[in-house]
Amino acid sequence: MGRKDDGCGSEDIDPKIDVHTDRKTGSFNQRSFCTPTEAGNSPDDRSSQSESAFLGDNAVNGADDGVKRSQKGKSCEDDEEGHLVYDIGLVMKERYEVVCTLGAGAFGKVVECIDRDKQERVAVKIVRNIDCFREVARSEIAVLEEINSLDDDKRFACVRMLDWFEHQGHICIVFELLGISTFEFLRQNEFLPFSVEQIRHMAYQIVRAVCFLHRNKLTHTDLKPENILFVCSDFSLVHKDETNCEDRKLKSLDVKVVDFGTATFDHEHHESLVSTRHYRAPEVILDLGWNQSCDVWSLGCVLMEFYLGRTLFMTHDSKEHLAMMEKVLGPIPPNLLKQTRKQHYVHNEHLNWDEQSSSDDYIRKHCQPLKQYMQRKTEEERQLFDLISCMLEYDVCRRITLEEALWHPFFSPMRTQKQQRS
């Protein structure tokens, strides 16, 4: 379907077009699971694009997954790209029986299995038998083990790794089986935005989860709607009289953060380029170095996408991306432009941008000042936009932390509910 990627990095392609598909033909409440990522060292116009396990760039259909069906239950040799070739019915580790393929991507394949020991269904990611992917998988396992250890009572909305093992040279990671991603829900619901109340419920869980990571000296580095999954994606249809259409209404708004393949501890080497393009912070684009606050920027973009039903910064060019930011958020502070190593982006202490270009026409058409996106101007919307504006602050020293965000007035109803439950 999309571009093929045999390396450890991937092109900065549009994840909304090239790397997403259903796991089964259009059935919304089929279960799915997004997992770890591939990061590569790449030039400025490339992205360490993470790929959802069920939504990879060469994703397969669950009903026609290209896997042989037999009663042998035996694994075959790897294919030429290092993917495990297997039959439905294969039992790995004398425990996990493959029942269907959920998806495939550059990283490997994800299968749904029956855990024979616990008699429950799980998702197993089978990583390609290639050194760079094995290295990323081992890094992810280390992060997931740390998360499990630090949150043994499961208070925070991070996906749980249940087990991991090796099978014929392939690292296999066992996860709880979750619902579809928030992006996939938007797509299947014709990009109808979430309500402010729905955003509040999801955002509080996400901010708490990522704040938990930050407290423990971890940065996720690839937060986006594709990496936020519903725990259960069952829905009911709500009829709209005026349009004779039906909208999907989720039965639960509980979500979890997934894909820790590029999560980085504070003491570890920080790659210069992180995050998927549309959610990449300005300090990353300007090569100023980054810290945990790059996650805050990404979450600000995610919340706007939930509100709009579409990506805030839809571009594939770094300078155009910066120009879009200026249209939405105002001028980039001159002190940041002075410090950047990317001086070809700068002219006379301003962004080097041609306002007569066709790109500028595109930006004027698709971008407007942040507050102008506000549709109803209710108090709850004002609070949401105030929070987002604090998250989309150019200067990392002024950008809100997630610890502070939890105390923002937008989340007051959630804090009240939490206190009442306690």
Protein backbone atom coordinates (compact mmCIF):
# COMPACT_ATOMS: atom_id res chain seq x y z
CA MET A 1 0.00 0.00 0.00
CA GLY A 2 2.44 2.71 1.12
CA ARG A 3 6.15 3.04 0.56
CA LYS A 4 8.29 0.10 1.39
CA ASP A 5 10.99 0.54 3.98
CA ASP A 6 13.63 -2.08 4.53
CA GLY A 7 15.90 0.04 6.67
CA CYS A 8 15.73 1.14 10.25
CA GLY A 9 14.52 4.63 9.42
CA SER A 10 11.70 5.69 7.18
CA GLU A 11 10.78 8.62 4.99
CA ASP A 12 8.97 11.57 6.52
CA ILE A 13 5.81 10.48 4.77
CA ASP A 14 2.32 11.53 5.65
CA PRO A 15 1.22 9.09 8.35
CA LYS A 16 -2.37 9.98 7.60
CA ILE A 17 -2.08 8.64 4.07
CA ASP A 18 0.71 6.15 3.73
CA VAL A 19 0.88 4.18 6.92
CA HIS A 20 -2.66 3.59 8.06
CA THR A 21 -5.24 0.99 7.21
CA ASP A 22 -7.83 -1.12 8.98
CA ARG A 23 -6.87 -4.51 10.30
CA LYS A 24 -10.13 -6.00 9.06
CA THR A 25 -12.33 -4.75 6.29
CA GLY A 26 -14.01 -1.72 7.78
CA SER A 27 -15.26 -3.31 10.98
CA PHE A 28 -14.71 -0.56 13.52
CA ASN A 29 -14.84 -2.52 16.73
CA GLN A 30 -12.25 -5.06 15.68
CA ARG A 31 -9.52 -5.01 18.29
CA SER A 32 -6.13 -3.67 17.43
CA PHE A 33 -2.92 -2.59 19.04
CA CYS A 34 -0.20 -0.10 18.18
CA THR A 35 3.26 -0.75 19.38
CA PRO A 36 6.87 0.23 19.11
CA THR A 37 8.71 2.27 16.71
CA GLU A 38 11.65 2.43 14.39
CA ALA A 39 13.97 5.37 14.80
CA GLY A 40 16.70 6.21 12.38
CA ASN A 41 19.47 8.76 12.12
CA SER A 42 18.29 10.84 9.22
CA PRO A 43 18.75 14.23 7.59
CA ASP A 44 16.55 17.16 8.42
CA ASP A 45 13.79 16.37 5.95
CA ARG A 46 13.40 12.86 7.28
CA SER A 47 11.51 11.63 10.32
CA SER A 48 12.04 8.90 12.85
CA GLN A 49 8.56 7.81 11.80
CA SER A 50 7.07 5.33 14.19
CA GLU A 51 4.74 2.74 12.83
CA SER A 52 1.69 1.37 14.53
CA ALA A 53 1.87 -2.37 14.69
CA PHE A 54 -1.46 -2.85 12.97
CA LEU A 55 -1.09 0.12 10.70
CA GLY A 56 2.26 -0.31 9.05
CA ASP A 57 3.31 0.96 5.66
CA ASN A 58 2.92 -2.54 4.24
CA ALA A 59 -0.04 -3.36 6.41
CA VAL A 60 -1.95 -6.49 5.62
CA ASN A 61 -5.63 -7.19 5.88
CA GLY A 62 -6.56 -9.47 8.73
CA ALA A 63 -8.91 -11.43 6.48
CA ASP A 64 -6.25 -11.89 3.81
CA ASP A 65 -3.00 -11.65 5.72
CA GLY A 66 -0.77 -13.61 3.38
CA VAL A 67 -0.13 -16.23 6.05
CA LYS A 68 -0.53 -19.89 5.22
CA ARG A 69 -3.29 -21.67 7.06
CA SER A 70 -2.52 -25.21 8.04
CA GLN A 71 -2.82 -27.52 10.99
CA LYS A 72 0.94 -27.94 11.27
CA GLY A 73 1.44 -24.99 13.59
CA LYS A 74 5.10 -24.87 12.64
CA SER A 75 7.16 -21.82 11.89
CA CYS A 76 8.98 -21.64 8.60
CA GLU A 77 12.20 -19.82 7.75
CA ASP A 78 12.37 -16.01 7.54
CA ASP A 79 11.43 -14.27 4.33
CA GLU A 80 13.94 -12.15 2.41
CA GLU A 81 13.13 -9.07 4.50
CA GLY A 82 13.70 -10.80 7.84
CA HIS A 83 10.03 -11.26 8.75
CA LEU A 84 9.09 -14.51 10.41
CA VAL A 85 7.07 -16.75 8.12
CA TYR A 86 4.51 -18.61 10.18
CA ASP A 87 1.27 -20.54 10.04
CA ILE A 88 -1.91 -19.77 11.91
CA GLY A 89 -1.80 -22.20 14.81
CA LEU A 90 1.90 -21.71 15.50
CA VAL A 91 2.61 -21.95 19.23
CA MET A 92 5.51 -19.84 20.48
CA LYS A 93 7.22 -20.37 23.81
CA GLU A 94 4.89 -23.36 24.24
CA ARG A 95 2.31 -20.80 25.30
CA TYR A 96 1.18 -18.26 22.69
CA GLU A 97 -0.96 -19.69 19.90
CA VAL A 98 -1.29 -17.49 16.81
CA VAL A 99 -4.93 -17.01 15.83
CA CYS A 100 -4.70 -14.18 13.31
CA THR A 101 -2.45 -11.49 11.93
CA LEU A 102 -3.27 -8.03 13.17
CA GLY A 103 -0.88 -6.11 10.95
CA ALA A 104 2.59 -5.72 9.56
CA GLY A 105 5.02 -2.88 9.09
CA ALA A 106 8.69 -2.13 8.66
CA PHE A 107 9.39 -3.32 12.23
CA GLY A 108 7.83 -6.77 11.81
CA LYS A 109 4.39 -8.25 12.34
CA VAL A 110 1.82 -8.21 15.12
CA VAL A 111 -0.33 -11.24 15.72
CA GLU A 112 -3.23 -11.91 18.01
CA CYS A 113 -2.57 -14.92 20.19
CA ILE A 114 -4.29 -17.01 22.79
CA ASP A 115 -2.21 -17.15 25.93
CA ARG A 116 -2.72 -20.81 26.82
CA ASP A 117 -1.53 -20.30 30.37
CA LYS A 118 -4.08 -17.60 31.19
CA GLN A 119 -6.70 -18.34 28.54
CA GLU A 120 -6.81 -14.75 27.37
CA ARG A 121 -6.07 -12.93 24.13
CA VAL A 122 -2.92 -10.88 23.74
CA ALA A 123 -1.03 -9.02 21.03
CA VAL A 124 2.45 -10.28 20.17
CA LYS A 125 4.83 -8.15 18.18
CA ILE A 126 7.29 -10.29 16.21
CA VAL A 127 10.28 -8.10 15.36
CA ARG A 128 12.20 -8.61 12.11
CA ASN A 129 15.38 -10.60 12.52
CA ILE A 130 17.62 -7.65 11.61
CA ASP A 131 20.14 -6.15 14.00
CA CYS A 132 18.86 -2.55 14.03
CA PHE A 133 15.28 -3.65 14.73
CA ARG A 134 16.42 -6.05 17.42
CA GLU A 135 18.34 -3.20 19.04
CA VAL A 136 15.26 -0.95 19.07
CA ALA A 137 13.18 -3.81 20.47
CA ARG A 138 15.63 -4.41 23.32
CA SER A 139 15.59 -0.70 24.13
CA GLU A 140 11.81 -0.74 24.21
CA ILE A 141 11.72 -3.80 26.44
CA ALA A 142 14.00 -2.03 28.93
CA VAL A 143 11.67 0.98 28.99
CA LEU A 144 8.55 -1.18 29.34
CA GLU A 145 10.11 -3.18 32.18
CA GLU A 146 10.89 0.08 33.96
CA ILE A 147 7.32 1.30 33.46
CA ASN A 148 5.91 -1.98 34.79
CA SER A 149 8.19 -1.77 37.82
CA LEU A 150 7.45 1.87 38.59
CA ASP A 151 3.71 1.49 38.08
CA ASP A 152 3.05 -1.96 39.46
CA ASP A 153 -0.45 -0.98 40.59
CA LYS A 154 -1.34 0.23 37.06
CA ARG A 155 -2.32 3.76 38.02
CA PHE A 156 -1.09 5.38 34.82
CA ALA A 157 -2.38 4.95 31.29
CA CYS A 158 0.67 3.33 29.71
CA VAL A 159 0.36 0.07 27.79
CA ARG A 160 1.47 -3.01 29.73
CA MET A 161 4.09 -5.38 28.47
CA LEU A 162 3.06 -8.83 29.69
CA ASP A 163 6.05 -10.87 28.54
CA TRP A 164 8.84 -11.05 26.01
CA PHE A 165 10.87 -13.88 24.53
CA GLU A 166 12.89 -14.90 21.49
CA HIS A 167 11.57 -17.22 18.81
CA GLN A 168 13.97 -18.43 16.12
CA GLY A 169 16.03 -15.24 16.31
CA HIS A 170 13.02 -12.91 16.50
CA ILE A 171 12.38 -10.79 19.57
CA CYS A 172 8.71 -11.10 20.47
CA ILE A 173 6.98 -8.65 22.81
CA VAL A 174 3.64 -9.57 24.39
CA PHE A 175 1.19 -6.74 25.10
CA GLU A 176 -2.30 -6.45 26.46
CA LEU A 177 -4.80 -6.31 23.62
CA LEU A 178 -6.27 -2.83 23.26
CA GLY A 179 -8.75 -1.05 21.00
CA ILE A 180 -8.01 1.11 17.98
CA SER A 181 -6.09 4.38 18.01
CA THR A 182 -7.65 7.77 18.47
CA PHE A 183 -6.57 8.63 14.93
CA GLU A 184 -8.24 5.53 13.55
CA PHE A 185 -11.45 6.41 15.39
CA LEU A 186 -11.39 9.90 13.86
CA ARG A 187 -10.77 8.42 10.42
CA GLN A 188 -13.59 5.90 10.69
CA ASN A 189 -15.89 8.59 12.09
CA GLU A 190 -15.22 10.77 9.02
CA PHE A 191 -12.90 13.03 11.06
CA LEU A 192 -15.72 14.35 13.20
CA PRO A 193 -13.93 16.14 16.07
CA PHE A 194 -14.18 15.01 19.66
CA SER A 195 -16.23 17.18 21.99
CA VAL A 196 -14.48 19.34 24.58
CA GLU A 197 -15.75 17.04 27.33
CA GLN A 198 -14.36 13.99 25.52
CA ILE A 199 -11.05 15.77 25.02
CA ARG A 200 -10.89 16.62 28.72
CA HIS A 201 -11.45 12.99 29.73
CA MET A 202 -8.81 11.64 27.32
CA ALA A 203 -6.31 14.46 27.82
CA TYR A 204 -6.28 14.06 31.61
CA GLN A 205 -5.32 10.39 31.29
CA ILE A 206 -2.68 11.13 28.65
CA VAL A 207 -1.14 14.05 30.56
CA ARG A 208 -1.02 11.97 33.77
CA ALA A 209 0.64 9.08 31.92
CA VAL A 210 3.29 11.21 30.22
CA CYS A 211 3.84 13.22 33.40
CA PHE A 212 4.56 9.89 35.10
CA LEU A 213 7.19 9.21 32.43
CA HIS A 214 8.73 12.64 32.91
CA ARG A 215 8.91 12.23 36.69
CA ASN A 216 10.90 9.10 36.04
CA LYS A 217 13.31 10.80 33.64
CA LEU A 218 11.78 9.43 30.43
CA THR A 219 10.72 11.30 27.31
CA HIS A 220 8.33 9.49 24.97
CA THR A 221 9.42 11.50 21.86
CA ASP A 222 6.66 10.26 19.54
CA LEU A 223 3.28 11.31 20.93
CA LYS A 224 0.54 11.49 18.30
CA PRO A 225 -3.04 10.25 17.89
CA GLU A 226 -1.78 7.00 16.36
CA ASN A 227 0.05 6.22 19.60
CA ILE A 228 -2.92 6.84 21.87
CA LEU A 229 -5.24 3.84 21.90
CA PHE A 230 -8.67 3.28 23.33
CA VAL A 231 -8.72 0.50 25.90
CA CYS A 232 -11.94 -0.68 24.28
CA SER A 233 -13.23 0.73 21.01
CA ASP A 234 -16.80 -0.59 21.20
CA PHE A 235 -19.27 2.05 20.10
CA SER A 236 -22.93 2.73 19.51
CA LEU A 237 -24.44 4.57 16.54
CA VAL A 238 -26.17 7.87 17.19
CA HIS A 239 -28.63 9.02 14.54
CA LYS A 240 -28.51 12.68 13.49
CA ASP A 241 -31.93 13.78 12.23
CA GLU A 242 -30.82 16.89 10.41
CA THR A 243 -28.26 15.07 8.23
CA ASN A 244 -29.74 11.57 8.22
CA CYS A 245 -26.28 10.33 9.22
CA GLU A 246 -25.05 8.22 12.10
CA ASP A 247 -22.10 9.10 14.31
CA ARG A 248 -20.12 6.61 16.34
CA LYS A 249 -20.29 7.18 20.08
CA LEU A 250 -17.65 5.38 22.11
CA LYS A 251 -18.84 3.44 25.10
CA SER A 252 -15.64 4.26 26.99
CA LEU A 253 -13.13 7.10 26.67
CA ASP A 254 -10.36 5.28 28.55
CA VAL A 255 -7.10 5.47 26.61
CA LYS A 256 -3.50 4.32 26.90
CA VAL A 257 -0.21 5.65 25.56
CA VAL A 258 1.73 3.14 23.46
CA ASP A 259 4.90 2.85 21.38
CA PHE A 260 7.97 3.28 23.56
CA GLY A 261 10.46 2.31 20.86
CA THR A 262 12.06 5.76 20.82
CA ALA A 263 11.47 6.64 24.49
CA THR A 264 14.67 8.13 25.87
CA PHE A 265 15.97 8.41 29.43
CA ASP A 266 17.41 11.78 30.44
CA HIS A 267 20.91 10.33 30.82
CA GLU A 268 20.90 8.64 27.41
CA HIS A 269 22.13 10.05 24.12
CA HIS A 270 19.48 12.30 22.56
CA GLU A 271 19.14 11.87 18.80
CA SER A 272 18.98 15.27 17.12
CA LEU A 273 15.78 14.43 15.24
CA VAL A 274 12.77 12.98 17.06
CA SER A 275 8.99 12.94 16.74
CA THR A 276 6.75 12.43 13.75
CA ARG A 277 6.75 15.52 11.55
CA HIS A 278 3.39 17.11 12.40
CA TYR A 279 4.01 16.86 16.16
CA ARG A 280 7.65 17.96 16.14
CA ALA A 281 8.59 20.82 18.43
CA PRO A 282 10.31 23.95 17.05
CA GLU A 283 13.48 23.33 19.08
CA VAL A 284 13.86 19.99 17.31
CA ILE A 285 13.40 21.52 13.86
CA LEU A 286 15.85 24.30 14.72
CA ASP A 287 18.35 21.78 16.12
CA LEU A 288 18.56 23.53 19.48
CA GLY A 289 18.56 20.34 21.51
CA TRP A 290 15.48 18.98 23.24
CA ASN A 291 14.24 17.68 26.57
CA GLN A 292 10.97 16.43 28.03
CA SER A 293 9.16 19.57 26.92
CA CYS A 294 9.14 18.28 23.33
CA ASP A 295 6.44 15.84 24.54
CA VAL A 296 4.42 18.81 25.82
CA TRP A 297 4.49 20.44 22.38
CA SER A 298 3.43 17.17 20.74
CA LEU A 299 0.50 16.84 23.15
CA GLY A 300 -0.58 20.40 22.37
CA CYS A 301 -0.73 19.42 18.69
CA VAL A 302 -2.63 16.24 19.58
CA LEU A 303 -5.27 18.13 21.60
CA MET A 304 -5.80 20.54 18.71
CA GLU A 305 -6.21 17.59 16.36
CA PHE A 306 -8.84 16.11 18.67
CA TYR A 307 -10.64 19.48 18.65
CA LEU A 308 -10.40 20.13 14.90
CA GLY A 309 -10.61 16.58 13.61
CA ARG A 310 -7.54 17.28 11.48
CA THR A 311 -3.84 17.87 11.89
CA LEU A 312 -2.88 21.40 12.90
CA PHE A 313 0.44 21.51 11.01
CA MET A 314 -0.01 19.46 7.83
CA THR A 315 3.31 19.81 6.04
CA HIS A 316 6.40 17.86 5.05
CA ASP A 317 8.88 20.71 4.86
CA SER A 318 10.69 22.08 7.89
CA LYS A 319 10.72 25.73 6.85
CA GLU A 320 7.07 25.59 5.83
CA HIS A 321 6.36 23.95 9.20
CA LEU A 322 7.99 26.91 10.98
CA ALA A 323 6.03 29.36 8.80
CA MET A 324 2.81 27.57 9.77
CA MET A 325 3.75 27.90 13.42
CA GLU A 326 4.20 31.65 12.94
CA LYS A 327 0.79 31.95 11.29
CA VAL A 328 -0.87 30.12 14.20
CA LEU A 329 1.26 31.26 17.15
CA GLY A 330 2.97 34.48 16.07
CA PRO A 331 6.65 35.17 15.28
CA ILE A 332 9.37 32.82 16.46
CA PRO A 333 11.44 34.65 19.12
CA PRO A 334 14.61 36.12 17.56
CA ASN A 335 16.80 34.63 20.30
CA LEU A 336 15.82 31.13 19.14
CA LEU A 337 16.56 31.97 15.53
CA LYS A 338 19.94 33.37 16.55
CA GLN A 339 20.87 30.11 18.26
CA THR A 340 19.82 27.70 15.53
CA ARG A 341 22.40 25.75 13.57
CA LYS A 342 19.98 25.89 10.64
CA GLN A 343 20.88 29.42 9.63
CA HIS A 344 19.42 28.91 6.15
CA TYR A 345 16.05 29.24 7.91
CA VAL A 346 16.97 32.73 9.11
CA HIS A 347 17.28 36.15 7.45
CA ASN A 348 17.83 39.35 9.46
CA GLU A 349 16.80 37.61 12.69
CA HIS A 350 13.47 36.56 11.17
CA LEU A 351 12.29 33.37 9.53
CA ASN A 352 13.57 33.31 5.98
CA TRP A 353 10.18 32.97 4.35
CA ASP A 354 8.83 34.21 1.02
CA GLU A 355 5.35 35.60 1.63
CA GLN A 356 4.72 35.72 -2.11
CA SER A 357 5.26 32.00 -2.60
CA SER A 358 2.64 29.38 -3.40
CA SER A 359 3.53 27.77 -0.07
CA ASP A 360 2.48 30.95 1.69
CA ASP A 361 -0.85 30.82 -0.16
CA TYR A 362 -1.30 27.28 1.16
CA ILE A 363 -0.49 28.41 4.71
CA ARG A 364 -2.90 31.36 4.58
CA LYS A 365 -5.61 28.98 3.39
CA HIS A 366 -5.02 26.28 6.02
CA CYS A 367 -3.72 28.17 9.06
CA GLN A 368 -5.05 30.97 11.23
CA PRO A 369 -4.21 32.42 14.65
CA LEU A 370 -4.84 29.85 17.36
CA LYS A 371 -7.74 31.56 19.12
CA GLN A 372 -9.61 31.93 15.82
CA TYR A 373 -10.06 28.15 15.72
CA MET A 374 -12.31 28.41 18.77
CA GLN A 375 -15.83 27.62 17.64
CA ARG A 376 -18.21 28.39 20.50
CA LYS A 377 -16.20 30.51 22.90
CA THR A 378 -17.65 28.80 25.95
CA GLU A 379 -15.72 28.90 29.21
CA GLU A 380 -14.59 25.28 28.85
CA GLU A 381 -13.33 26.01 25.33
CA ARG A 382 -11.47 29.07 26.57
CA GLN A 383 -9.80 26.91 29.20
CA LEU A 384 -8.88 24.26 26.62
CA PHE A 385 -7.35 26.84 24.30
CA ASP A 386 -5.49 28.49 27.16
CA LEU A 387 -3.97 25.11 28.05
CA ILE A 388 -3.04 24.43 24.41
CA SER A 389 -1.45 27.87 24.04
CA CYS A 390 0.68 27.15 27.13
CA MET A 391 1.76 23.85 25.58
CA LEU A 392 2.53 25.42 22.18
CA GLU A 393 4.98 27.92 23.61
CA TYR A 394 8.11 28.35 21.47
CA ASP A 395 10.52 28.83 24.36
CA VAL A 396 10.98 25.61 26.35
CA CYS A 397 11.74 27.69 29.45
CA ARG A 398 8.27 29.23 29.25
CA ARG A 399 6.39 26.16 28.03
CA ILE A 400 4.12 24.62 30.64
CA THR A 401 5.27 21.35 32.22
CA LEU A 402 2.87 18.45 32.43
CA GLU A 403 3.04 18.64 36.23
CA GLU A 404 1.73 22.19 35.94
CA ALA A 405 -0.76 21.20 33.24
CA LEU A 406 -2.47 18.77 35.61
CA TRP A 407 -3.39 21.78 37.78
CA HIS A 408 -4.74 23.83 34.89
CA PRO A 409 -8.40 24.94 35.33
CA PHE A 410 -9.37 22.86 32.28
CA PHE A 411 -8.80 19.72 34.38
CA SER A 412 -10.62 20.94 37.51
CA PRO A 413 -13.63 18.64 36.90
CA MET A 414 -11.29 15.64 36.50
CA ARG A 415 -9.45 16.45 39.72
CA THR A 416 -12.79 16.75 41.53
CA GLN A 417 -13.90 13.35 40.22
CA LYS A 418 -10.59 11.83 41.26
CA GLN A 419 -10.91 13.22 44.79
CA GLN A 420 -14.46 11.92 45.08
CA ARG A 421 -13.36 8.43 44.01
CA SER A 422 -10.52 8.54 46.51
